[in-house]
Amino acid sequence: MNENMELKEIKIIKEVFDEKRKIIGYAPEEMIEVSDECHPGGDIFITSEGELIDLEYQMKDFDESELMKYVELAEELYEKNNVSVSIYVLCPDTIQVTAPECIINSKATFNIKLACYNINPAYDALYEIKEKAAKKIELNDEDLYALLMIAVMGPKKDRRNLIIECFKIINQSLNII
């Protein structure tokens, strides 16, 4: 990930989730590697106190199964590093949230916060595909078609930047193959 994206995500964490702790940057790989059975997490940051913050982009309905994957991730990261884990989930206001707000009994110290936003669907698609490419997951035909449509779906004022971002993702995905 580039430094510009890192700063944007830190800003999202601070503003949307009212995070007061000092965030240093992305957490080192050795701290965030989890088992294959566990959700790999989104972009995971480390605070000046060594605590972990995972920023997730949720694109589908938030139900009990989705909540559980984040609980399992938090518990595994806590078990591995013995530090507090915060999982911040950002989602469009078009998804359904059916998971209950509740206290989860665990030996791990963690919290999970969900924030919904109202944004153009072009950005949702862009974030989802960008995250996939960043994790070096091969893009499928549906992803490539979405990249072609993003510039048309997005606001006219952002068209140039959206096209550039799409080209970057396509070039990045070509290097995966």
Protein backbone atom coordinates (compact mmCIF):
# COMPACT_ATOMS: atom_id res chain seq x y z
CA MET A 1 0.00 0.00 0.00
CA ASN A 2 1.20 3.48 -0.67
CA GLU A 3 1.70 6.17 1.94
CA ASN A 4 -1.16 8.29 0.58
CA MET A 5 -3.65 5.44 1.08
CA GLU A 6 -2.25 4.78 4.56
CA LEU A 7 -2.83 8.42 5.58
CA LYS A 8 -6.37 8.40 4.15
CA GLU A 9 -7.25 5.27 6.11
CA ILE A 10 -5.78 6.66 9.33
CA LYS A 11 -7.90 9.77 8.79
CA ILE A 12 -11.00 7.57 8.33
CA ILE A 13 -10.22 5.70 11.56
CA LYS A 14 -9.74 8.94 13.50
CA GLU A 15 -12.75 10.80 12.12
CA VAL A 16 -15.37 8.10 11.55
CA PHE A 17 -14.60 5.96 14.60
CA ASP A 18 -13.45 8.82 16.87
CA GLU A 19 -10.12 7.09 17.52
CA LYS A 20 -7.93 9.07 19.95
CA ARG A 21 -4.89 6.79 20.13
CA LYS A 22 -1.78 7.66 18.11
CA ILE A 23 -1.59 5.42 15.04
CA ILE A 24 1.97 4.78 13.83
CA GLY A 25 1.13 3.05 10.54
CA TYR A 26 0.56 -0.44 9.16
CA ALA A 27 1.32 -3.25 11.61
CA PRO A 28 4.27 -5.53 10.80
CA GLU A 29 3.44 -8.74 8.92
CA GLU A 30 4.64 -10.97 11.76
CA MET A 31 1.99 -9.44 14.07
CA ILE A 32 -0.96 -9.83 11.70
CA GLU A 33 -0.47 -13.24 10.11
CA VAL A 34 -3.39 -15.48 11.06
CA SER A 35 -4.32 -19.09 10.36
CA ASP A 36 -5.86 -20.02 7.01
CA GLU A 37 -9.20 -20.74 8.71
CA CYS A 38 -9.39 -17.19 10.03
CA HIS A 39 -10.53 -14.10 8.13
CA PRO A 40 -7.25 -12.37 7.11
CA GLY A 41 -8.39 -8.91 8.14
CA GLY A 42 -8.41 -5.68 6.19
CA ASP A 43 -5.71 -3.06 6.67
CA ILE A 44 -4.28 -3.54 10.14
CA PHE A 45 -2.55 -0.66 11.91
CA ILE A 46 -0.48 -0.42 15.06
CA THR A 47 -0.75 2.27 17.71
CA SER A 48 2.10 3.85 19.67
CA GLU A 49 1.14 1.52 22.55
CA GLY A 50 1.44 -1.57 20.32
CA GLU A 51 -2.31 -2.15 20.07
CA LEU A 52 -3.87 -3.24 16.77
CA ILE A 53 -6.60 -1.55 14.74
CA ASP A 54 -8.15 -3.38 11.80
CA LEU A 55 -10.02 -1.27 9.22
CA GLU A 56 -12.51 -3.33 7.23
CA TYR A 57 -14.72 -2.44 4.27
CA GLN A 58 -17.95 -4.46 4.53
CA MET A 59 -19.76 -4.77 1.21
CA LYS A 60 -22.40 -7.35 2.06
CA ASP A 61 -25.09 -7.59 4.71
CA PHE A 62 -23.74 -7.64 8.26
CA ASP A 63 -25.23 -10.71 9.93
CA GLU A 64 -24.16 -13.05 12.73
CA SER A 65 -21.72 -14.92 10.46
CA GLU A 66 -20.01 -11.69 9.45
CA LEU A 67 -19.79 -10.61 13.09
CA MET A 68 -18.30 -13.98 14.01
CA LYS A 69 -15.50 -13.73 11.44
CA TYR A 70 -14.43 -10.45 13.06
CA VAL A 71 -14.67 -11.94 16.56
CA GLU A 72 -12.45 -14.85 15.47
CA LEU A 73 -9.94 -12.45 13.92
CA ALA A 74 -9.83 -10.29 17.06
CA GLU A 75 -9.35 -13.33 19.29
CA GLU A 76 -6.57 -14.76 17.11
CA LEU A 77 -4.73 -11.42 16.92
CA TYR A 78 -5.08 -11.00 20.69
CA GLU A 79 -3.86 -14.56 21.34
CA LYS A 80 -0.84 -14.02 19.10
CA ASN A 81 0.18 -10.57 20.35
CA ASN A 82 -1.47 -10.17 23.78
CA VAL A 83 -2.57 -6.61 22.92
CA SER A 84 -5.96 -4.96 22.64
CA VAL A 85 -7.56 -5.26 19.19
CA SER A 86 -10.06 -2.82 17.66
CA ILE A 87 -11.92 -3.80 14.53
CA TYR A 88 -13.58 -0.93 12.70
CA VAL A 89 -16.01 -1.94 9.99
CA LEU A 90 -17.03 0.66 7.40
CA CYS A 91 -20.03 -0.16 5.24
CA PRO A 92 -22.41 1.57 2.86
CA ASP A 93 -25.81 2.43 4.28
CA THR A 94 -27.35 0.21 1.60
CA ILE A 95 -26.48 -3.04 3.42
CA GLN A 96 -28.67 -4.67 6.05
CA VAL A 97 -27.29 -4.94 9.57
CA THR A 98 -28.96 -7.90 11.27
CA ALA A 99 -26.27 -8.90 13.78
CA PRO A 100 -27.25 -7.84 17.29
CA GLU A 101 -25.31 -5.26 19.25
CA CYS A 102 -24.12 -7.23 22.25
CA ILE A 103 -21.32 -7.97 24.69
CA ILE A 104 -19.28 -10.99 23.63
CA ASN A 105 -17.64 -13.01 26.40
CA SER A 106 -14.03 -13.73 25.54
CA LYS A 107 -10.60 -13.95 27.12
CA ALA A 108 -9.41 -11.53 24.44
CA THR A 109 -9.55 -7.77 24.83
CA PHE A 110 -11.22 -6.36 21.74
CA ASN A 111 -13.99 -4.17 20.41
CA ILE A 112 -15.82 -4.13 17.09
CA LYS A 113 -17.43 -0.94 15.78
CA LEU A 114 -19.60 -0.60 12.70
CA ALA A 115 -20.15 2.68 10.84
CA CYS A 116 -22.43 3.06 7.84
CA TYR A 117 -21.94 5.82 5.30
CA ASN A 118 -23.82 7.21 2.34
CA ILE A 119 -21.53 7.16 -0.68
CA ASN A 120 -21.71 6.56 -4.40
CA PRO A 121 -21.61 2.79 -5.20
CA ALA A 122 -18.67 3.37 -7.56
CA TYR A 123 -16.47 3.95 -4.52
CA ASP A 124 -17.75 0.77 -2.87
CA ALA A 125 -16.78 -1.25 -5.92
CA LEU A 126 -13.42 0.49 -6.19
CA TYR A 127 -12.54 -0.19 -2.52
CA GLU A 128 -13.59 -3.82 -2.76
CA ILE A 129 -11.54 -4.47 -5.90
CA LYS A 130 -8.60 -2.43 -4.63
CA GLU A 131 -8.52 -4.49 -1.44
CA LYS A 132 -8.59 -7.71 -3.47
CA ALA A 133 -5.70 -6.54 -5.69
CA ALA A 134 -3.68 -5.36 -2.68
CA LYS A 135 -3.99 -8.86 -1.19
CA LYS A 136 -2.73 -10.25 -4.52
CA ILE A 137 -5.99 -12.08 -5.19
CA GLU A 138 -6.52 -12.57 -8.91
CA LEU A 139 -9.34 -10.42 -10.28
CA ASN A 140 -12.17 -12.25 -12.04
CA ASP A 141 -14.20 -11.12 -15.08
CA GLU A 142 -16.81 -9.50 -12.84
CA ASP A 143 -14.10 -7.40 -11.13
CA LEU A 144 -12.66 -6.29 -14.46
CA TYR A 145 -16.11 -5.34 -15.76
CA ALA A 146 -16.75 -3.36 -12.58
CA LEU A 147 -13.47 -1.50 -13.08
CA LEU A 148 -14.61 -0.51 -16.57
CA MET A 149 -17.94 0.76 -15.18
CA ILE A 150 -16.61 2.63 -12.15
CA ALA A 151 -15.75 5.81 -14.05
CA VAL A 152 -19.25 5.91 -15.55
CA MET A 153 -20.93 5.25 -12.19
CA GLY A 154 -18.90 7.79 -10.21
CA PRO A 155 -19.47 11.53 -10.00
CA LYS A 156 -18.37 13.46 -13.09
CA LYS A 157 -15.98 15.64 -11.05
CA ASP A 158 -14.06 12.51 -9.92
CA ARG A 159 -14.01 10.77 -13.30
CA ARG A 160 -10.33 11.44 -14.09
CA ASN A 161 -9.13 10.18 -10.68
CA LEU A 162 -11.39 7.14 -10.83
CA ILE A 163 -10.04 6.17 -14.26
CA ILE A 164 -6.45 6.55 -13.02
CA GLU A 165 -7.20 4.38 -9.96
CA CYS A 166 -8.80 1.72 -12.17
CA PHE A 167 -5.76 1.68 -14.48
CA LYS A 168 -3.46 1.28 -11.47
CA ILE A 169 -5.50 -1.68 -10.20
CA ILE A 170 -5.53 -3.32 -13.64
CA ASN A 171 -1.74 -2.91 -13.97
CA GLN A 172 -1.24 -4.24 -10.45
CA SER A 173 -3.41 -7.28 -11.19
CA LEU A 174 -1.48 -8.00 -14.39
CA ASN A 175 1.66 -8.33 -12.27
CA ILE A 176 -0.07 -11.02 -10.17
CA ILE A 177 -0.70 -13.33 -13.11
